[in-house]
């Protein structure tokens, strides 16, 4: 019995080592921040770059609602910044995803304006990743 457990344990270790990323440039895993916390650079910014910081939306030239979500600008434009659409609400309130206006817009719970992104939606996983990052303190990591 002990021998079987030992073999099973070794098999699990081998499999987990075999499937780990070997090339860091091509391996983006959620939670690359400190202590497994969500990382803005590797978990959140790629979502904004693909779905929000596009021409006609929140890119540097057209910036809908004066909000630029391009790499290098998004963090400063979001965290502890008051919404221009709903007075008194912060776009991102570190530690409080439920009351962050960004999450309200993504989940179509905002009392003003349309759900974001316009014409599409983020996956449940992407929204949860943003929620986790905010709830973990919305660090610039």
C-alpha atoms as a PDB file:
ATOM      1  CA  UNK A   1       0.000   0.000   0.000  1.00  0.00           C
ATOM      2  CA  UNK A   2       2.770   2.427   0.954  1.00  0.00           C
ATOM      3  CA  UNK A   3       4.652   1.541  -2.212  1.00  0.00           C
ATOM      4  CA  UNK A   4       1.571   2.386  -4.336  1.00  0.00           C
ATOM      5  CA  UNK A   5       1.161   5.711  -2.557  1.00  0.00           C
ATOM      6  CA  UNK A   6       4.827   6.509  -3.148  1.00  0.00           C
ATOM      7  CA  UNK A   7       4.551   5.673  -6.852  1.00  0.00           C
ATOM      8  CA  UNK A   8       1.340   7.709  -7.142  1.00  0.00           C
ATOM      9  CA  UNK A   9       2.946  10.663  -5.412  1.00  0.00           C
ATOM     10  CA  UNK A  10       5.998  10.490  -7.686  1.00  0.00           C
ATOM     11  CA  UNK A  11       3.725  10.288 -10.732  1.00  0.00           C
ATOM     12  CA  UNK A  12       1.869  13.427  -9.651  1.00  0.00           C
ATOM     13  CA  UNK A  13       5.153  15.295  -9.168  1.00  0.00           C
ATOM     14  CA  UNK A  14       6.435  14.132 -12.555  1.00  0.00           C
ATOM     15  CA  UNK A  15       3.230  15.168 -14.349  1.00  0.00           C
ATOM     16  CA  UNK A  16       3.134  18.590 -12.689  1.00  0.00           C
ATOM     17  CA  UNK A  17       6.803  19.206 -13.563  1.00  0.00           C
ATOM     18  CA  UNK A  18       6.282  18.012 -17.141  1.00  0.00           C
ATOM     19  CA  UNK A  19       3.382  20.397 -17.800  1.00  0.00           C
ATOM     20  CA  UNK A  20       4.951  23.497 -16.255  1.00  0.00           C
ATOM     21  CA  UNK A  21       5.850  26.314 -18.615  1.00  0.00           C
ATOM     22  CA  UNK A  22       9.407  26.117 -19.809  1.00  0.00           C
ATOM     23  CA  UNK A  23       9.480  29.388 -21.768  1.00  0.00           C
ATOM     24  CA  UNK A  24       8.500  32.359 -19.562  1.00  0.00           C
ATOM     25  CA  UNK A  25       7.871  34.602 -22.571  1.00  0.00           C
ATOM     26  CA  UNK A  26       5.143  32.289 -23.864  1.00  0.00           C
ATOM     27  CA  UNK A  27       3.721  31.373 -20.490  1.00  0.00           C
ATOM     28  CA  UNK A  28       1.274  33.774 -18.906  1.00  0.00           C
ATOM     29  CA  UNK A  29      -0.378  32.205 -15.916  1.00  0.00           C
ATOM     30  CA  UNK A  30      -2.922  34.021 -13.744  1.00  0.00           C
ATOM     31  CA  UNK A  31      -1.518  35.070 -10.419  1.00  0.00           C
ATOM     32  CA  UNK A  32       2.015  36.034 -11.380  1.00  0.00           C
ATOM     33  CA  UNK A  33       2.076  38.759  -8.736  1.00  0.00           C
ATOM     34  CA  UNK A  34       3.655  38.388  -5.342  1.00  0.00           C
ATOM     35  CA  UNK A  35       2.375  35.499  -3.229  1.00  0.00           C
ATOM     36  CA  UNK A  36       0.141  34.264  -6.079  1.00  0.00           C
ATOM     37  CA  UNK A  37      -1.885  37.491  -6.062  1.00  0.00           C
ATOM     38  CA  UNK A  38      -3.297  38.627  -9.412  1.00  0.00           C
ATOM     39  CA  UNK A  39      -0.845  40.718 -11.408  1.00  0.00           C
ATOM     40  CA  UNK A  40      -1.944  43.881 -13.175  1.00  0.00           C
ATOM     41  CA  UNK A  41       0.721  43.480 -15.875  1.00  0.00           C
ATOM     42  CA  UNK A  42       0.116  39.817 -16.702  1.00  0.00           C
ATOM     43  CA  UNK A  43      -3.521  39.248 -15.674  1.00  0.00           C
ATOM     44  CA  UNK A  44      -5.394  42.536 -16.121  1.00  0.00           C
ATOM     45  CA  UNK A  45      -3.677  44.709 -18.743  1.00  0.00           C
ATOM     46  CA  UNK A  46      -3.928  41.985 -21.428  1.00  0.00           C
ATOM     47  CA  UNK A  47      -7.724  42.010 -20.975  1.00  0.00           C
ATOM     48  CA  UNK A  48      -7.843  45.793 -21.406  1.00  0.00           C
ATOM     49  CA  UNK A  49      -5.462  45.698 -24.375  1.00  0.00           C
ATOM     50  CA  UNK A  50      -7.542  43.089 -26.213  1.00  0.00           C
ATOM     51  CA  UNK A  51     -11.049  44.316 -25.401  1.00  0.00           C
ATOM     52  CA  UNK A  52     -10.994  47.949 -24.284  1.00  0.00           C
ATOM     53  CA  UNK A  53      -7.940  49.881 -25.501  1.00  0.00           C
ATOM     54  CA  UNK A  54      -8.967  49.549 -29.123  1.00  0.00           C
ATOM     55  CA  UNK A  55      -9.646  52.167 -31.779  1.00  0.00           C
ATOM     56  CA  UNK A  56     -12.800  54.105 -31.031  1.00  0.00           C
ATOM     57  CA  UNK A  57     -12.995  53.026 -27.397  1.00  0.00           C
ATOM     58  CA  UNK A  58     -10.370  53.545 -24.688  1.00  0.00           C
ATOM     59  CA  UNK A  59      -7.244  53.984 -26.788  1.00  0.00           C
ATOM     60  CA  UNK A  60      -4.924  56.989 -26.547  1.00  0.00           C
ATOM     61  CA  UNK A  61      -6.515  58.897 -29.450  1.00  0.00           C
ATOM     62  CA  UNK A  62     -10.268  58.518 -28.895  1.00  0.00           C
ATOM     63  CA  UNK A  63     -10.493  57.775 -25.138  1.00  0.00           C
ATOM     64  CA  UNK A  64     -14.203  57.341 -24.491  1.00  0.00           C
ATOM     65  CA  UNK A  65     -15.209  58.968 -21.171  1.00  0.00           C
ATOM     66  CA  UNK A  66     -11.657  60.379 -21.060  1.00  0.00           C
ATOM     67  CA  UNK A  67     -10.439  56.949 -19.938  1.00  0.00           C
ATOM     68  CA  UNK A  68      -7.302  55.544 -21.579  1.00  0.00           C
ATOM     69  CA  UNK A  69      -6.734  51.841 -20.941  1.00  0.00           C
ATOM     70  CA  UNK A  70      -3.558  51.360 -22.942  1.00  0.00           C
ATOM     71  CA  UNK A  71      -0.457  49.770 -21.447  1.00  0.00           C
ATOM     72  CA  UNK A  72       1.421  52.253 -19.293  1.00  0.00           C
ATOM     73  CA  UNK A  73      -1.637  54.447 -18.693  1.00  0.00           C
ATOM     74  CA  UNK A  74      -4.473  52.173 -17.580  1.00  0.00           C
ATOM     75  CA  UNK A  75      -3.463  51.699 -13.950  1.00  0.00           C
ATOM     76  CA  UNK A  76      -3.174  55.424 -13.170  1.00  0.00           C
ATOM     77  CA  UNK A  77      -6.449  56.088 -14.983  1.00  0.00           C
ATOM     78  CA  UNK A  78      -8.387  53.509 -12.945  1.00  0.00           C
ATOM     79  CA  UNK A  79      -7.247  53.061  -9.354  1.00  0.00           C
ATOM     80  CA  UNK A  80      -8.725  55.520  -6.848  1.00  0.00           C
ATOM     81  CA  UNK A  81     -10.014  57.685  -9.726  1.00  0.00           C
ATOM     82  CA  UNK A  82     -13.557  59.059  -9.558  1.00  0.00           C
ATOM     83  CA  UNK A  83     -15.969  58.139 -12.330  1.00  0.00           C
ATOM     84  CA  UNK A  84     -16.953  60.927 -14.714  1.00  0.00           C
ATOM     85  CA  UNK A  85     -20.332  59.213 -15.210  1.00  0.00           C
ATOM     86  CA  UNK A  86     -21.425  58.465 -11.656  1.00  0.00           C
ATOM     87  CA  UNK A  87     -20.336  61.071  -9.137  1.00  0.00           C
ATOM     88  CA  UNK A  88     -18.887  59.713  -5.945  1.00  0.00           C
ATOM     89  CA  UNK A  89     -18.003  56.289  -7.342  1.00  0.00           C
ATOM     90  CA  UNK A  90     -14.389  55.301  -7.915  1.00  0.00           C
ATOM     91  CA  UNK A  91     -13.550  53.351 -11.046  1.00  0.00           C
ATOM     92  CA  UNK A  92     -11.456  50.963  -8.952  1.00  0.00           C
ATOM     93  CA  UNK A  93     -11.642  50.947  -5.174  1.00  0.00           C
ATOM     94  CA  UNK A  94      -8.783  48.724  -3.967  1.00  0.00           C
ATOM     95  CA  UNK A  95     -10.157  45.848  -1.891  1.00  0.00           C
ATOM     96  CA  UNK A  96     -13.764  46.414  -3.016  1.00  0.00           C
ATOM     97  CA  UNK A  97     -14.594  44.984  -6.445  1.00  0.00           C
ATOM     98  CA  UNK A  98     -18.320  44.909  -5.706  1.00  0.00           C
ATOM     99  CA  UNK A  99     -18.473  48.708  -5.401  1.00  0.00           C
ATOM    100  CA  UNK A 100     -15.893  49.552  -8.073  1.00  0.00           C
ATOM    101  CA  UNK A 101     -17.543  51.322 -10.997  1.00  0.00           C
ATOM    102  CA  UNK A 102     -15.386  49.386 -13.494  1.00  0.00           C
ATOM    103  CA  UNK A 103     -16.904  46.099 -12.317  1.00  0.00           C
ATOM    104  CA  UNK A 104     -20.390  47.605 -12.370  1.00  0.00           C
ATOM    105  CA  UNK A 105     -19.867  48.571 -16.024  1.00  0.00           C
ATOM    106  CA  UNK A 106     -18.472  45.149 -16.926  1.00  0.00           C
ATOM    107  CA  UNK A 107     -21.377  43.362 -15.215  1.00  0.00           C
ATOM    108  CA  UNK A 108     -24.011  45.786 -16.586  1.00  0.00           C
ATOM    109  CA  UNK A 109     -24.943  46.961 -13.076  1.00  0.00           C
ATOM    110  CA  UNK A 110     -24.082  50.639 -13.558  1.00  0.00           C
ATOM    111  CA  UNK A 111     -26.929  53.128 -13.244  1.00  0.00           C
ATOM    112  CA  UNK A 112     -25.455  55.299 -16.004  1.00  0.00           C
ATOM    113  CA  UNK A 113     -24.436  54.442 -19.565  1.00  0.00           C
ATOM    114  CA  UNK A 114     -24.001  51.129 -21.339  1.00  0.00           C
ATOM    115  CA  UNK A 115     -22.359  47.907 -20.296  1.00  0.00           C
ATOM    116  CA  UNK A 116     -18.710  47.597 -21.260  1.00  0.00           C
ATOM    117  CA  UNK A 117     -17.146  46.670 -23.532  1.00  0.00           C
ATOM    118  CA  UNK A 118     -19.579  48.042 -26.090  1.00  0.00           C
ATOM    119  CA  UNK A 119     -20.923  45.458 -28.496  1.00  0.00           C
ATOM    120  CA  UNK A 120     -19.422  42.486 -26.647  1.00  0.00           C
ATOM    121  CA  UNK A 121     -18.822  41.104 -23.192  1.00  0.00           C
ATOM    122  CA  UNK A 122     -15.854  39.815 -21.283  1.00  0.00           C
ATOM    123  CA  UNK A 123     -15.905  36.184 -20.271  1.00  0.00           C
ATOM    124  CA  UNK A 124     -16.915  35.294 -16.727  1.00  0.00           C
ATOM    125  CA  UNK A 125     -13.301  34.252 -16.156  1.00  0.00           C
ATOM    126  CA  UNK A 126     -11.960  37.652 -17.285  1.00  0.00           C
ATOM    127  CA  UNK A 127     -14.410  39.528 -15.074  1.00  0.00           C
ATOM    128  CA  UNK A 128     -13.529  37.293 -12.136  1.00  0.00           C
ATOM    129  CA  UNK A 129      -9.832  37.926 -12.758  1.00  0.00           C
ATOM    130  CA  UNK A 130     -10.472  41.686 -12.587  1.00  0.00           C
ATOM    131  CA  UNK A 131     -12.582  41.233  -9.443  1.00  0.00           C
ATOM    132  CA  UNK A 132      -9.838  39.134  -7.819  1.00  0.00           C
ATOM    133  CA  UNK A 133      -7.207  41.764  -8.641  1.00  0.00           C
ATOM    134  CA  UNK A 134      -9.336  44.550  -7.144  1.00  0.00           C
ATOM    135  CA  UNK A 135     -10.261  42.519  -4.045  1.00  0.00           C
ATOM    136  CA  UNK A 136      -6.563  41.707  -3.533  1.00  0.00           C
ATOM    137  CA  UNK A 137      -5.803  45.440  -3.299  1.00  0.00           C
ATOM    138  CA  UNK A 138      -5.492  46.486  -6.974  1.00  0.00           C
ATOM    139  CA  UNK A 139      -1.710  46.526  -6.875  1.00  0.00           C
ATOM    140  CA  UNK A 140       0.381  47.913  -9.740  1.00  0.00           C
ATOM    141  CA  UNK A 141       2.382  44.711 -10.154  1.00  0.00           C
END
